[in-house]
Amino acid sequence: MSRFRRAMLWAVLAAILLLAVLSICGAFLGADRAQAFFNSLPLVVYWFTAIALLAVGIVSFRRLLRVPSLFLMHTGCILVLLG
């Protein structure tokens, strides 16, 4: 596995862990404060970074393009984040 792919896998893992931590923190903030928190500029940058990581992963890992279920799973995650 190339260094780029390995670095991308670690970056995606870190992004997923950060999403889990942010979701737990958002659960304790209340609805109004959580909405303001998740729509703040640093988290908007995070959302677009997560989308970009998923899109680059689809392109760089050819197996994701060949196996329809893997492709649809990653595309579904991108669509959820865009929503």
C-alpha atoms as a PDB file:
ATOM      1  CA  MET A   1       0.000   0.000   0.000  1.00  0.00           C
ATOM      2  CA  SER A   2       1.391   3.370  -0.950  1.00  0.00           C
ATOM      3  CA  ARG A   3       2.060   6.083   1.599  1.00  0.00           C
ATOM      4  CA  PHE A   4      -0.682   8.257   0.114  1.00  0.00           C
ATOM      5  CA  ARG A   5      -3.308   5.551   0.556  1.00  0.00           C
ATOM      6  CA  ARG A   6      -2.142   4.762   4.073  1.00  0.00           C
ATOM      7  CA  ALA A   7      -2.202   8.464   5.013  1.00  0.00           C
ATOM      8  CA  MET A   8      -5.678   8.785   3.530  1.00  0.00           C
ATOM      9  CA  LEU A   9      -6.941   5.821   5.548  1.00  0.00           C
ATOM     10  CA  TRP A  10      -5.566   7.343   8.759  1.00  0.00           C
ATOM     11  CA  ALA A  11      -7.084  10.732   7.875  1.00  0.00           C
ATOM     12  CA  VAL A  12     -10.494   9.160   7.297  1.00  0.00           C
ATOM     13  CA  LEU A  13     -10.229   7.233  10.561  1.00  0.00           C
ATOM     14  CA  ALA A  14      -9.378  10.452  12.401  1.00  0.00           C
ATOM     15  CA  ALA A  15     -12.296  12.247  10.719  1.00  0.00           C
ATOM     16  CA  ILE A  16     -14.710   9.478  11.746  1.00  0.00           C
ATOM     17  CA  LEU A  17     -13.446   9.536  15.342  1.00  0.00           C
ATOM     18  CA  LEU A  18     -13.764  13.332  15.410  1.00  0.00           C
ATOM     19  CA  LEU A  19     -17.324  13.006  14.109  1.00  0.00           C
ATOM     20  CA  ALA A  20     -18.142  10.590  16.929  1.00  0.00           C
ATOM     21  CA  VAL A  21     -16.690  12.946  19.554  1.00  0.00           C
ATOM     22  CA  LEU A  22     -18.483  15.959  18.066  1.00  0.00           C
ATOM     23  CA  SER A  23     -21.772  14.048  17.998  1.00  0.00           C
ATOM     24  CA  ILE A  24     -21.427  13.142  21.656  1.00  0.00           C
ATOM     25  CA  CYS A  25     -20.615  16.754  22.558  1.00  0.00           C
ATOM     26  CA  GLY A  26     -23.522  18.001  20.452  1.00  0.00           C
ATOM     27  CA  ALA A  27     -25.909  15.714  22.312  1.00  0.00           C
ATOM     28  CA  PHE A  28     -25.177  17.547  25.567  1.00  0.00           C
ATOM     29  CA  LEU A  29     -25.506  21.073  24.153  1.00  0.00           C
ATOM     30  CA  GLY A  30     -29.227  21.166  23.498  1.00  0.00           C
ATOM     31  CA  ALA A  31     -30.928  21.681  20.144  1.00  0.00           C
ATOM     32  CA  ASP A  32     -30.328  25.401  19.617  1.00  0.00           C
ATOM     33  CA  ARG A  33     -26.707  25.465  20.742  1.00  0.00           C
ATOM     34  CA  ALA A  34     -25.921  22.246  18.849  1.00  0.00           C
ATOM     35  CA  GLN A  35     -27.334  23.716  15.638  1.00  0.00           C
ATOM     36  CA  ALA A  36     -25.206  26.832  16.043  1.00  0.00           C
ATOM     37  CA  PHE A  37     -22.180  24.677  16.886  1.00  0.00           C
ATOM     38  CA  PHE A  38     -22.511  22.329  13.908  1.00  0.00           C
ATOM     39  CA  ASN A  39     -23.180  25.218  11.502  1.00  0.00           C
ATOM     40  CA  SER A  40     -20.151  27.224  12.662  1.00  0.00           C
ATOM     41  CA  LEU A  41     -17.350  27.952  10.194  1.00  0.00           C
ATOM     42  CA  PRO A  42     -14.773  25.462  11.590  1.00  0.00           C
ATOM     43  CA  LEU A  43     -17.258  22.614  11.377  1.00  0.00           C
ATOM     44  CA  VAL A  44     -18.393  23.607   7.885  1.00  0.00           C
ATOM     45  CA  VAL A  45     -14.743  23.253   6.859  1.00  0.00           C
ATOM     46  CA  TYR A  46     -14.710  19.858   8.596  1.00  0.00           C
ATOM     47  CA  TRP A  47     -17.829  18.712   6.703  1.00  0.00           C
ATOM     48  CA  PHE A  48     -16.335  19.629   3.327  1.00  0.00           C
ATOM     49  CA  THR A  49     -13.029  17.991   4.281  1.00  0.00           C
ATOM     50  CA  ALA A  50     -14.856  14.784   5.169  1.00  0.00           C
ATOM     51  CA  ILE A  51     -16.707  14.884   1.837  1.00  0.00           C
ATOM     52  CA  ALA A  52     -13.429  15.454  -0.006  1.00  0.00           C
ATOM     53  CA  LEU A  53     -11.756  12.549   1.818  1.00  0.00           C
ATOM     54  CA  LEU A  54     -14.585  10.215   0.848  1.00  0.00           C
ATOM     55  CA  ALA A  55     -14.513  11.383  -2.773  1.00  0.00           C
ATOM     56  CA  VAL A  56     -10.730  10.998  -3.032  1.00  0.00           C
ATOM     57  CA  GLY A  57     -11.040   7.555  -1.443  1.00  0.00           C
ATOM     58  CA  ILE A  58     -13.501   6.477  -4.116  1.00  0.00           C
ATOM     59  CA  VAL A  59     -11.146   7.632  -6.850  1.00  0.00           C
ATOM     60  CA  SER A  60      -7.899   6.262  -5.406  1.00  0.00           C
ATOM     61  CA  PHE A  61      -9.186   2.854  -4.269  1.00  0.00           C
ATOM     62  CA  ARG A  62     -10.302   1.201  -7.496  1.00  0.00           C
ATOM     63  CA  ARG A  63     -12.081  -1.604  -5.661  1.00  0.00           C
ATOM     64  CA  LEU A  64     -14.678   0.918  -4.499  1.00  0.00           C
ATOM     65  CA  LEU A  65     -15.551   1.544  -8.140  1.00  0.00           C
ATOM     66  CA  ARG A  66     -15.692  -2.143  -9.081  1.00  0.00           C
ATOM     67  CA  VAL A  67     -17.834  -3.397  -6.193  1.00  0.00           C
ATOM     68  CA  PRO A  68     -21.262  -1.731  -6.378  1.00  0.00           C
ATOM     69  CA  SER A  69     -22.104  -2.162  -2.692  1.00  0.00           C
ATOM     70  CA  LEU A  70     -18.896  -0.446  -1.555  1.00  0.00           C
ATOM     71  CA  PHE A  71     -19.391   2.339  -4.082  1.00  0.00           C
ATOM     72  CA  LEU A  72     -22.981   2.928  -2.993  1.00  0.00           C
ATOM     73  CA  MET A  73     -22.016   2.882   0.682  1.00  0.00           C
ATOM     74  CA  HIS A  74     -19.408   5.603   0.221  1.00  0.00           C
ATOM     75  CA  THR A  75     -21.619   7.599  -2.131  1.00  0.00           C
ATOM     76  CA  GLY A  76     -24.421   7.378   0.430  1.00  0.00           C
ATOM     77  CA  CYS A  77     -22.131   8.833   3.097  1.00  0.00           C
ATOM     78  CA  ILE A  78     -21.261  11.712   0.776  1.00  0.00           C
ATOM     79  CA  LEU A  79     -24.948  12.372   0.089  1.00  0.00           C
ATOM     80  CA  VAL A  80     -25.782  12.321   3.806  1.00  0.00           C
ATOM     81  CA  LEU A  81     -23.026  14.841   4.544  1.00  0.00           C
ATOM     82  CA  LEU A  82     -24.180  17.055   1.678  1.00  0.00           C
ATOM     83  CA  GLY A  83     -27.738  16.977   3.041  1.00  0.00           C
END
